Amino acid sequence: MWCPHNALKCPSKPKYISGLLTSAATRRLDYLRAEEKMIQREREAEGDEFRDKEAFVTQAYKDQMAEVRKAEEEERRQEGMHHTATTLVYVANTC
């Protein structure tokens, strides 16, 4: 990239990569959340068919689900803050 201030090339920084990485992480968490809900529905549909079987859950799966729960909590907290800010703006505009 040519830098108009001097004859040397300026190192260019990617403009949009941070946004792309953030949205990719959000999509991944949304996918994991949807997959978990689908698995839960399948388990409910099975009923007591496999109730007597032992369940194996790996530590990686537990960590993944903890990450999903943490993201859900963060999302709820942000929505709550957005709702509070919107309410404050509405109240301020009505006064």
Protein backbone atom coordinates (compact mmCIF):
# COMPACT_ATOMS: atom_id res chain seq x y z
CA MET A 1 0.00 0.00 0.00
CA TRP A 2 1.41 3.37 -0.99
CA CYS A 3 1.65 5.90 1.80
CA PRO A 4 1.28 9.49 0.57
CA HIS A 5 3.30 10.93 3.45
CA ASN A 6 6.58 9.32 2.49
CA ALA A 7 8.14 7.19 -0.19
CA LEU A 8 8.23 4.10 2.01
CA LYS A 9 5.42 1.62 2.06
CA CYS A 10 3.33 1.76 5.19
CA PRO A 11 2.37 -1.53 6.77
CA SER A 12 -1.30 -1.99 6.13
CA LYS A 13 -3.61 -3.18 8.85
CA PRO A 14 -6.63 -5.28 7.98
CA LYS A 15 -9.74 -3.15 8.34
CA TYR A 16 -12.44 -5.74 8.77
CA ILE A 17 -10.76 -8.83 10.21
CA SER A 18 -11.76 -8.15 13.83
CA GLY A 19 -15.41 -7.85 12.82
CA LEU A 20 -15.18 -11.03 10.75
CA LEU A 21 -13.61 -12.95 13.62
CA THR A 22 -16.24 -11.70 16.06
CA SER A 23 -19.12 -12.65 13.78
CA ALA A 24 -17.54 -16.07 13.10
CA ALA A 25 -17.31 -16.73 16.85
CA THR A 26 -20.94 -15.64 17.28
CA ARG A 27 -22.09 -17.93 14.46
CA ARG A 28 -20.14 -20.83 15.98
CA LEU A 29 -21.79 -20.33 19.36
CA ASP A 30 -25.22 -20.02 17.72
CA TYR A 31 -24.59 -23.28 15.87
CA LEU A 32 -23.53 -25.05 19.07
CA ARG A 33 -26.59 -23.71 20.88
CA ALA A 34 -28.92 -24.92 18.10
CA GLU A 35 -27.21 -28.31 18.03
CA GLU A 36 -27.60 -28.68 21.81
CA LYS A 37 -31.32 -27.87 21.56
CA MET A 38 -31.73 -30.45 18.79
CA ILE A 39 -29.99 -33.11 20.88
CA GLN A 40 -32.18 -32.22 23.86
CA ARG A 41 -35.35 -32.63 21.75
CA GLU A 42 -34.11 -36.03 20.54
CA ARG A 43 -33.50 -37.12 24.13
CA GLU A 44 -36.99 -36.02 25.12
CA ALA A 45 -38.46 -37.90 22.14
CA GLU A 46 -36.63 -41.07 23.20
CA GLY A 47 -38.23 -40.83 26.61
CA ASP A 48 -37.16 -43.59 29.00
CA GLU A 49 -35.78 -45.84 26.27
CA PHE A 50 -32.16 -45.27 27.31
CA ARG A 51 -32.79 -44.26 30.92
CA ASP A 52 -30.96 -47.32 32.28
CA LYS A 53 -27.84 -46.72 30.14
CA GLU A 54 -24.79 -44.95 31.45
CA ALA A 55 -24.11 -41.50 29.94
CA PHE A 56 -20.56 -40.53 28.97
CA VAL A 57 -19.69 -36.87 28.70
CA THR A 58 -16.16 -35.75 27.88
CA GLN A 59 -14.43 -32.83 29.53
CA ALA A 60 -14.15 -31.10 26.14
CA TYR A 61 -17.94 -31.28 25.74
CA LYS A 62 -18.44 -29.90 29.25
CA ASP A 63 -16.05 -27.04 28.47
CA GLN A 64 -17.85 -26.35 25.20
CA MET A 65 -21.24 -26.23 26.92
CA ALA A 66 -19.82 -23.94 29.63
CA GLU A 67 -18.65 -21.59 26.87
CA VAL A 68 -22.11 -21.64 25.29
CA ARG A 69 -23.78 -20.92 28.65
CA LYS A 70 -21.33 -18.09 29.30
CA ALA A 71 -22.12 -16.57 25.88
CA GLU A 72 -25.86 -16.86 26.56
CA GLU A 73 -25.43 -15.10 29.90
CA GLU A 74 -23.37 -12.34 28.25
CA GLU A 75 -26.03 -11.95 25.56
CA ARG A 76 -28.82 -11.71 28.16
CA ARG A 77 -26.81 -9.15 30.12
CA GLN A 78 -26.22 -7.03 26.99
CA GLU A 79 -29.89 -7.23 26.04
CA GLY A 80 -30.79 -6.13 29.56
CA MET A 81 -28.42 -3.17 29.34
CA HIS A 82 -29.82 -2.29 25.89
CA HIS A 83 -33.37 -2.52 27.23
CA THR A 84 -32.45 -0.32 30.20
CA ALA A 85 -30.77 2.26 27.96
CA THR A 86 -33.73 2.27 25.58
CA THR A 87 -36.13 2.74 28.49
CA LEU A 88 -34.04 5.61 29.86
CA VAL A 89 -34.03 7.31 26.47
CA TYR A 90 -37.79 6.85 26.18
CA VAL A 91 -38.36 8.26 29.67
CA ALA A 92 -36.01 11.17 28.99
CA ASN A 93 -37.83 11.98 25.74
CA THR A 94 -41.27 11.91 27.37
CA CYS A 95 -40.35 14.34 30.16
